[in-house]
Amino acid sequence: MDTHRSPILIDYAKCSPCQGLICVGVCPLSVFEPGADGKPEPMDAASCTQCGVCAHLCPTKAITVNTRQTSKRQTMVTP
Protein backbone atom coordinates (compact mmCIF):
# COMPACT_ATOMS: atom_id res chain seq x y z
CA MET A 1 0.00 0.00 0.00
CA ASP A 2 1.34 3.43 -0.98
CA THR A 3 1.22 5.52 2.21
CA HIS A 4 2.62 8.61 0.47
CA ARG A 5 -0.38 8.97 -1.83
CA SER A 6 -2.44 12.10 -1.27
CA PRO A 7 -5.79 11.54 0.44
CA ILE A 8 -7.24 14.31 -1.76
CA LEU A 9 -8.23 13.65 -5.35
CA ILE A 10 -9.43 16.47 -7.59
CA ASP A 11 -11.13 15.76 -10.90
CA TYR A 12 -9.96 18.86 -12.74
CA ALA A 13 -12.27 18.06 -15.66
CA LYS A 14 -15.22 18.62 -13.29
CA CYS A 15 -13.65 21.56 -11.47
CA SER A 16 -14.74 24.84 -12.96
CA PRO A 17 -13.28 27.30 -10.49
CA CYS A 18 -16.21 28.38 -8.32
CA GLN A 19 -16.69 31.86 -6.97
CA GLY A 20 -14.22 32.27 -4.13
CA LEU A 21 -12.73 28.76 -4.36
CA ILE A 22 -14.87 27.28 -1.60
CA CYS A 23 -12.44 24.43 -0.86
CA VAL A 24 -9.60 26.88 -0.21
CA GLY A 25 -11.72 28.84 2.25
CA VAL A 26 -13.31 25.97 4.18
CA CYS A 27 -10.30 23.75 4.81
CA PRO A 28 -9.50 24.06 8.53
CA LEU A 29 -5.82 23.27 7.89
CA SER A 30 -5.32 25.38 4.74
CA VAL A 31 -4.37 22.38 2.63
CA PHE A 32 -5.43 24.11 -0.61
CA GLU A 33 -4.10 27.19 -2.38
CA PRO A 34 -5.37 28.76 -5.58
CA GLY A 35 -3.42 27.47 -8.57
CA ALA A 36 -2.22 29.51 -11.53
CA ASP A 37 -5.24 28.35 -13.52
CA GLY A 38 -7.66 29.46 -10.79
CA LYS A 39 -8.30 25.90 -9.66
CA PRO A 40 -7.37 24.58 -6.21
CA GLU A 41 -4.02 22.92 -5.64
CA PRO A 42 -3.49 20.69 -2.59
CA MET A 43 -0.26 22.23 -1.33
CA ASP A 44 -0.03 20.51 2.04
CA ALA A 45 -1.87 17.21 1.54
CA ALA A 46 0.14 15.60 4.35
CA SER A 47 -1.72 17.84 6.81
CA CYS A 48 -5.14 16.72 5.56
CA THR A 49 -7.18 15.07 8.31
CA GLN A 50 -9.72 13.74 5.78
CA CYS A 51 -12.58 15.63 7.41
CA GLY A 52 -14.31 15.84 4.01
CA VAL A 53 -15.55 19.43 4.33
CA CYS A 54 -13.99 20.38 0.98
CA ALA A 55 -15.60 17.45 -0.83
CA HIS A 56 -18.97 18.01 0.81
CA LEU A 57 -19.10 21.71 -0.12
CA CYS A 58 -17.61 21.45 -3.62
CA PRO A 59 -20.46 22.58 -5.93
CA THR A 60 -19.32 20.34 -8.81
CA LYS A 61 -18.32 17.37 -6.60
CA ALA A 62 -14.85 17.44 -8.14
CA ILE A 63 -13.11 16.62 -4.85
CA THR A 64 -12.86 13.14 -3.36
CA VAL A 65 -11.25 12.49 0.00
CA ASN A 66 -9.90 8.99 0.53
CA THR A 67 -11.04 8.30 4.07
CA ARG A 68 -9.59 4.77 4.03
CA GLN A 69 -6.11 6.15 4.51
CA THR A 70 -5.28 6.86 8.12
CA SER A 71 -3.95 10.33 8.71
CA LYS A 72 -1.07 11.11 11.05
CA ARG A 73 -3.45 12.95 13.39
CA GLN A 74 -5.77 9.97 13.59
CA THR A 75 -2.97 7.54 14.42
CA MET A 76 -1.84 9.69 17.36
CA VAL A 77 -5.23 9.51 19.03
CA THR A 78 -5.87 6.40 21.09
CA PRO A 79 -9.42 5.40 22.02
Foldseek 3Di string as FASTA:
>chain_A
DDLPDFQKAFQVVQPDQDVPNVLCVPQPVNQWDQDPVRHIDRNCSLPDQQPCPSQVPRPSSRMGGNPVRHHPVNVVDDD
